[in-house]
Amino acid sequence: QVQLVQTGGGLVQAGGSLRLSCVTSDSSFYRWAMGWFRQAPGTRREFVAAISPSGGRTLYADSVKGRFTISRDTAKNTVYLQMNSLKPEDTAVYYCFADPGLRYNYWGQGTQVTVSS
């Protein structure tokens, strides 16, 4: 069983920053594309960011470009989402995912990010 364990959520004022982490003990981490989705109340799950296995390519939703940065640390089996200049509309449950190149992805447990105005 593959487990993705998320940390770093919380409550922050508009304009503030948070860093989310997603770690796995699986030895195949270095082969996986990784990323983040989020889901706000009453909305569909929305793509946020993704990073290639090497870390050399990244992809961001237009809504977070210039504010969020995705990165990974192969030695720590961890992917990060640095969230700066947070807005109330960023409030959501954030989910880490791993794409092993198969017909399905692995998912973290989700963590709440709340941005107050």
N, C-alpha and C. Protein backbone atom coordinates (compact mmCIF):
# COMPACT_ATOMS: atom_id res chain seq x y z
N GLN A 1 0.82 -1.17 0.00
CA GLN A 1 0.00 0.00 0.00
C GLN A 1 0.88 1.26 0.00
N VAL A 2 0.56 2.19 -0.89
CA VAL A 2 1.28 3.45 -0.98
C VAL A 2 0.56 4.48 -0.12
N GLN A 3 1.33 5.16 0.73
CA GLN A 3 0.79 6.21 1.58
C GLN A 3 1.47 7.53 1.30
N LEU A 4 0.68 8.58 1.15
CA LEU A 4 1.16 9.94 1.03
C LEU A 4 0.65 10.69 2.25
N VAL A 5 1.56 11.21 3.06
CA VAL A 5 1.21 11.86 4.31
C VAL A 5 1.48 13.34 4.20
N GLN A 6 0.42 14.15 4.39
CA GLN A 6 0.51 15.58 4.23
C GLN A 6 0.61 16.29 5.57
N THR A 7 1.35 17.39 5.58
CA THR A 7 1.42 18.29 6.73
C THR A 7 1.47 19.72 6.23
N GLY A 8 1.25 20.67 7.13
CA GLY A 8 1.49 22.08 6.83
C GLY A 8 0.28 22.95 6.61
N GLY A 9 -0.92 22.42 6.68
CA GLY A 9 -2.10 23.24 6.53
C GLY A 9 -2.34 24.11 7.75
N GLY A 10 -3.34 24.96 7.65
CA GLY A 10 -3.68 25.80 8.77
C GLY A 10 -4.42 27.04 8.37
N LEU A 11 -4.49 27.98 9.29
CA LEU A 11 -5.18 29.25 9.12
C LEU A 11 -4.17 30.37 8.98
N VAL A 12 -4.37 31.22 7.97
CA VAL A 12 -3.46 32.33 7.73
C VAL A 12 -4.26 33.52 7.23
N GLN A 13 -3.78 34.72 7.50
CA GLN A 13 -4.42 35.93 6.98
C GLN A 13 -4.07 36.15 5.52
N ALA A 14 -4.96 36.83 4.81
CA ALA A 14 -4.69 37.18 3.42
C ALA A 14 -3.35 37.88 3.30
N GLY A 15 -2.59 37.49 2.28
CA GLY A 15 -1.25 38.02 2.07
C GLY A 15 -0.16 37.20 2.73
N GLY A 16 -0.53 36.27 3.57
CA GLY A 16 0.44 35.44 4.27
C GLY A 16 0.88 34.24 3.45
N SER A 17 1.66 33.38 4.10
CA SER A 17 2.26 32.23 3.44
C SER A 17 2.09 30.96 4.25
N LEU A 18 2.05 29.84 3.56
CA LEU A 18 2.08 28.51 4.15
C LEU A 18 2.89 27.61 3.25
N ARG A 19 3.47 26.57 3.83
CA ARG A 19 4.14 25.54 3.05
C ARG A 19 3.54 24.19 3.38
N LEU A 20 3.03 23.52 2.35
CA LEU A 20 2.51 22.17 2.49
C LEU A 20 3.59 21.16 2.13
N SER A 21 3.59 20.03 2.83
CA SER A 21 4.52 18.95 2.56
C SER A 21 3.75 17.66 2.34
N CYS A 22 4.32 16.79 1.52
CA CYS A 22 3.73 15.49 1.23
C CYS A 22 4.87 14.50 1.14
N VAL A 23 4.88 13.51 2.02
CA VAL A 23 6.00 12.58 2.12
C VAL A 23 5.50 11.15 1.97
N THR A 24 6.34 10.31 1.35
CA THR A 24 6.05 8.89 1.23
C THR A 24 7.28 8.09 1.60
N SER A 25 7.08 6.86 2.05
CA SER A 25 8.19 5.95 2.31
C SER A 25 8.46 5.03 1.13
N ASP A 26 7.71 5.17 0.05
CA ASP A 26 7.84 4.28 -1.09
C ASP A 26 9.12 4.57 -1.85
N SER A 27 9.86 3.52 -2.17
CA SER A 27 11.15 3.67 -2.84
C SER A 27 11.04 4.09 -4.30
N SER A 28 9.84 4.08 -4.85
CA SER A 28 9.63 4.49 -6.23
C SER A 28 9.35 5.97 -6.38
N PHE A 29 9.45 6.74 -5.30
CA PHE A 29 9.15 8.15 -5.33
C PHE A 29 9.86 8.88 -6.48
N TYR A 30 11.11 8.52 -6.72
CA TYR A 30 11.93 9.22 -7.72
C TYR A 30 11.39 9.04 -9.13
N ARG A 31 10.55 8.04 -9.33
CA ARG A 31 9.97 7.78 -10.65
C ARG A 31 8.64 8.49 -10.88
N TRP A 32 8.06 9.07 -9.86
CA TRP A 32 6.70 9.59 -9.94
C TRP A 32 6.64 11.07 -10.23
N ALA A 33 5.75 11.46 -11.13
CA ALA A 33 5.29 12.84 -11.14
C ALA A 33 4.44 13.08 -9.90
N MET A 34 4.54 14.26 -9.33
CA MET A 34 3.85 14.61 -8.10
C MET A 34 3.12 15.93 -8.28
N GLY A 35 2.14 16.17 -7.42
CA GLY A 35 1.45 17.45 -7.51
C GLY A 35 0.37 17.62 -6.48
N TRP A 36 -0.45 18.64 -6.73
CA TRP A 36 -1.48 19.05 -5.78
C TRP A 36 -2.76 19.40 -6.49
N PHE A 37 -3.88 18.99 -5.92
CA PHE A 37 -5.21 19.46 -6.24
C PHE A 37 -5.80 20.13 -5.01
N ARG A 38 -6.88 20.87 -5.20
CA ARG A 38 -7.59 21.43 -4.07
C ARG A 38 -9.09 21.41 -4.35
N GLN A 39 -9.88 21.46 -3.28
CA GLN A 39 -11.32 21.46 -3.42
C GLN A 39 -11.92 22.36 -2.35
N ALA A 40 -12.60 23.41 -2.80
CA ALA A 40 -13.31 24.32 -1.92
C ALA A 40 -14.75 23.84 -1.78
N PRO A 41 -15.43 24.24 -0.71
CA PRO A 41 -16.81 23.81 -0.52
C PRO A 41 -17.69 24.16 -1.72
N GLY A 42 -18.48 23.20 -2.18
CA GLY A 42 -19.40 23.43 -3.27
C GLY A 42 -18.77 23.49 -4.65
N THR A 43 -17.50 23.13 -4.77
CA THR A 43 -16.81 23.17 -6.05
C THR A 43 -16.24 21.81 -6.42
N ARG A 44 -15.87 21.68 -7.68
CA ARG A 44 -15.17 20.49 -8.14
C ARG A 44 -13.71 20.56 -7.72
N ARG A 45 -13.06 19.42 -7.62
CA ARG A 45 -11.65 19.39 -7.33
C ARG A 45 -10.87 20.05 -8.48
N GLU A 46 -9.94 20.94 -8.12
CA GLU A 46 -9.23 21.79 -9.06
C GLU A 46 -7.74 21.47 -9.05
N PHE A 47 -7.15 21.33 -10.23
CA PHE A 47 -5.71 21.16 -10.33
C PHE A 47 -4.99 22.41 -9.87
N VAL A 48 -3.90 22.24 -9.13
CA VAL A 48 -3.12 23.36 -8.62
C VAL A 48 -1.73 23.39 -9.24
N ALA A 49 -0.97 22.31 -9.11
CA ALA A 49 0.42 22.30 -9.57
C ALA A 49 0.90 20.87 -9.71
N ALA A 50 1.93 20.68 -10.56
CA ALA A 50 2.55 19.38 -10.72
C ALA A 50 4.02 19.55 -11.02
N ILE A 51 4.80 18.51 -10.75
CA ILE A 51 6.24 18.53 -10.98
C ILE A 51 6.68 17.18 -11.53
N SER A 52 7.61 17.20 -12.47
CA SER A 52 8.09 15.98 -13.10
C SER A 52 8.97 15.20 -12.13
N PRO A 53 9.25 13.93 -12.43
CA PRO A 53 10.10 13.13 -11.53
C PRO A 53 11.45 13.76 -11.25
N SER A 54 12.07 14.36 -12.25
CA SER A 54 13.37 14.98 -12.07
C SER A 54 13.30 16.34 -11.37
N GLY A 55 12.12 16.92 -11.32
CA GLY A 55 11.97 18.27 -10.82
C GLY A 55 12.22 19.33 -11.87
N GLY A 56 12.56 18.93 -13.08
CA GLY A 56 12.93 19.88 -14.11
C GLY A 56 11.77 20.57 -14.81
N ARG A 57 10.59 20.02 -14.68
CA ARG A 57 9.40 20.61 -15.30
C ARG A 57 8.33 20.80 -14.25
N THR A 58 7.67 21.95 -14.31
CA THR A 58 6.55 22.23 -13.42
C THR A 58 5.38 22.76 -14.22
N LEU A 59 4.19 22.63 -13.64
CA LEU A 59 2.97 23.09 -14.27
C LEU A 59 2.08 23.68 -13.18
N TYR A 60 1.49 24.83 -13.46
CA TYR A 60 0.65 25.52 -12.49
C TYR A 60 -0.68 25.92 -13.10
N ALA A 61 -1.71 25.90 -12.27
CA ALA A 61 -2.97 26.50 -12.66
C ALA A 61 -2.79 28.01 -12.79
N ASP A 62 -3.53 28.62 -13.71
CA ASP A 62 -3.42 30.07 -13.90
C ASP A 62 -3.71 30.83 -12.61
N SER A 63 -4.59 30.30 -11.79
CA SER A 63 -5.01 31.00 -10.59
C SER A 63 -3.91 31.12 -9.54
N VAL A 64 -2.86 30.31 -9.64
CA VAL A 64 -1.80 30.33 -8.63
C VAL A 64 -0.43 30.70 -9.20
N LYS A 65 -0.32 30.89 -10.50
CA LYS A 65 0.96 31.24 -11.11
C LYS A 65 1.52 32.52 -10.50
N GLY A 66 2.79 32.50 -10.19
CA GLY A 66 3.45 33.64 -9.60
C GLY A 66 3.33 33.72 -8.10
N ARG A 67 2.47 32.91 -7.50
CA ARG A 67 2.28 32.92 -6.05
C ARG A 67 2.70 31.61 -5.39
N PHE A 68 2.45 30.49 -6.07
CA PHE A 68 2.76 29.17 -5.51
C PHE A 68 3.98 28.59 -6.22
N THR A 69 4.76 27.81 -5.49
CA THR A 69 5.91 27.12 -6.05
C THR A 69 5.91 25.67 -5.59
N ILE A 70 5.98 24.75 -6.55
CA ILE A 70 6.08 23.33 -6.22
C ILE A 70 7.54 22.91 -6.36
N SER A 71 7.99 22.05 -5.45
CA SER A 71 9.35 21.55 -5.49
C SER A 71 9.38 20.15 -4.90
N ARG A 72 10.50 19.45 -5.07
CA ARG A 72 10.62 18.12 -4.50
C ARG A 72 12.04 17.88 -4.01
N ASP A 73 12.16 17.00 -3.04
CA ASP A 73 13.43 16.62 -2.46
C ASP A 73 13.50 15.10 -2.52
N THR A 74 14.29 14.59 -3.45
CA THR A 74 14.35 13.15 -3.67
C THR A 74 14.89 12.41 -2.44
N ALA A 75 15.88 13.00 -1.78
CA ALA A 75 16.48 12.37 -0.61
C ALA A 75 15.48 12.20 0.53
N LYS A 76 14.50 13.09 0.60
CA LYS A 76 13.50 13.05 1.66
C LYS A 76 12.17 12.46 1.22
N ASN A 77 12.07 12.04 -0.04
CA ASN A 77 10.82 11.50 -0.59
C ASN A 77 9.65 12.46 -0.33
N THR A 78 9.89 13.74 -0.57
CA THR A 78 8.93 14.77 -0.21
C THR A 78 8.70 15.75 -1.35
N VAL A 79 7.45 16.13 -1.53
CA VAL A 79 7.09 17.22 -2.42
C VAL A 79 6.50 18.34 -1.59
N TYR A 80 6.77 19.58 -1.98
CA TYR A 80 6.34 20.76 -1.25
C TYR A 80 5.48 21.65 -2.13
N LEU A 81 4.61 22.40 -1.49
CA LEU A 81 3.90 23.49 -2.15
C LEU A 81 4.06 24.73 -1.29
N GLN A 82 4.89 25.65 -1.75
CA GLN A 82 5.07 26.93 -1.07
C GLN A 82 4.00 27.88 -1.58
N MET A 83 3.19 28.40 -0.67
CA MET A 83 2.04 29.21 -1.01
C MET A 83 2.25 30.61 -0.43
N ASN A 84 2.48 31.58 -1.31
CA ASN A 84 2.70 32.96 -0.91
C ASN A 84 1.56 33.83 -1.39
N SER A 85 1.46 35.02 -0.82
CA SER A 85 0.43 35.99 -1.20
C SER A 85 -0.94 35.35 -1.22
N LEU A 86 -1.26 34.63 -0.17
CA LEU A 86 -2.50 33.87 -0.13
C LEU A 86 -3.72 34.77 -0.15
N LYS A 87 -4.76 34.30 -0.81
CA LYS A 87 -6.02 35.00 -0.96
C LYS A 87 -7.14 34.17 -0.35
N PRO A 88 -8.23 34.81 0.07
CA PRO A 88 -9.35 34.04 0.60
C PRO A 88 -9.85 32.96 -0.36
N GLU A 89 -9.78 33.20 -1.65
CA GLU A 89 -10.22 32.21 -2.62
C GLU A 89 -9.31 30.99 -2.71
N ASP A 90 -8.16 31.03 -2.05
CA ASP A 90 -7.30 29.86 -1.94
C ASP A 90 -7.78 28.89 -0.87
N THR A 91 -8.76 29.28 -0.08
CA THR A 91 -9.28 28.43 0.97
C THR A 91 -9.85 27.15 0.37
N ALA A 92 -9.36 26.01 0.84
CA ALA A 92 -9.77 24.72 0.29
C ALA A 92 -9.10 23.61 1.07
N VAL A 93 -9.52 22.39 0.82
CA VAL A 93 -8.77 21.22 1.23
C VAL A 93 -7.80 20.89 0.11
N TYR A 94 -6.53 20.78 0.44
CA TYR A 94 -5.48 20.51 -0.53
C TYR A 94 -5.07 19.05 -0.46
N TYR A 95 -4.98 18.42 -1.62
CA TYR A 95 -4.65 17.00 -1.73
C TYR A 95 -3.38 16.81 -2.54
N CYS A 96 -2.44 16.10 -1.98
CA CYS A 96 -1.24 15.69 -2.69
C CYS A 96 -1.56 14.46 -3.55
N PHE A 97 -0.95 14.39 -4.74
CA PHE A 97 -1.10 13.20 -5.56
C PHE A 97 0.24 12.76 -6.12
N ALA A 98 0.32 11.48 -6.41
CA ALA A 98 1.46 10.88 -7.10
C ALA A 98 0.94 10.17 -8.34
N ASP A 99 1.61 10.40 -9.46
CA ASP A 99 1.25 9.77 -10.72
C ASP A 99 2.34 8.77 -11.08
N PRO A 100 2.06 7.47 -10.92
CA PRO A 100 3.07 6.46 -11.23
C PRO A 100 3.12 6.08 -12.71
N GLY A 101 2.37 6.78 -13.56
CA GLY A 101 2.33 6.47 -14.97
C GLY A 101 1.44 5.30 -15.31
N LEU A 102 0.54 4.97 -14.42
CA LEU A 102 -0.40 3.87 -14.61
C LEU A 102 -1.80 4.43 -14.87
N ARG A 103 -2.81 3.63 -14.63
CA ARG A 103 -4.19 4.04 -14.89
C ARG A 103 -4.82 4.74 -13.69
N TYR A 104 -4.06 4.98 -12.64
CA TYR A 104 -4.59 5.57 -11.43
C TYR A 104 -3.49 6.37 -10.75
N ASN A 105 -3.88 7.25 -9.85
CA ASN A 105 -2.96 8.01 -9.03
C ASN A 105 -3.10 7.61 -7.57
N TYR A 106 -2.07 7.95 -6.78
CA TYR A 106 -2.15 7.85 -5.33
C TYR A 106 -2.48 9.22 -4.76
N TRP A 107 -3.17 9.24 -3.62
CA TRP A 107 -3.64 10.49 -3.03
C TRP A 107 -3.29 10.58 -1.56
N GLY A 108 -2.93 11.79 -1.12
CA GLY A 108 -2.78 12.07 0.29
C GLY A 108 -4.13 12.22 0.97
N GLN A 109 -4.08 12.41 2.29
CA GLN A 109 -5.32 12.44 3.08
C GLN A 109 -6.04 13.77 3.02
N GLY A 110 -5.40 14.80 2.49
CA GLY A 110 -5.97 16.13 2.44
C GLY A 110 -5.63 16.94 3.67
N THR A 111 -5.45 18.24 3.47
CA THR A 111 -5.20 19.13 4.59
C THR A 111 -5.90 20.46 4.32
N GLN A 112 -6.51 21.03 5.37
CA GLN A 112 -7.28 22.25 5.24
C GLN A 112 -6.37 23.47 5.22
N VAL A 113 -6.58 24.34 4.25
CA VAL A 113 -5.95 25.65 4.20
C VAL A 113 -7.06 26.69 4.24
N THR A 114 -7.03 27.56 5.23
CA THR A 114 -8.04 28.60 5.37
C THR A 114 -7.35 29.96 5.37
N VAL A 115 -7.78 30.84 4.48
CA VAL A 115 -7.21 32.18 4.36
C VAL A 115 -8.29 33.19 4.73
N SER A 116 -8.06 33.94 5.77
CA SER A 116 -9.02 34.92 6.24
C SER A 116 -8.77 36.27 5.59
N SER A 117 -9.84 37.03 5.39
CA SER A 117 -9.74 38.34 4.76
C SER A 117 -9.53 39.43 5.80
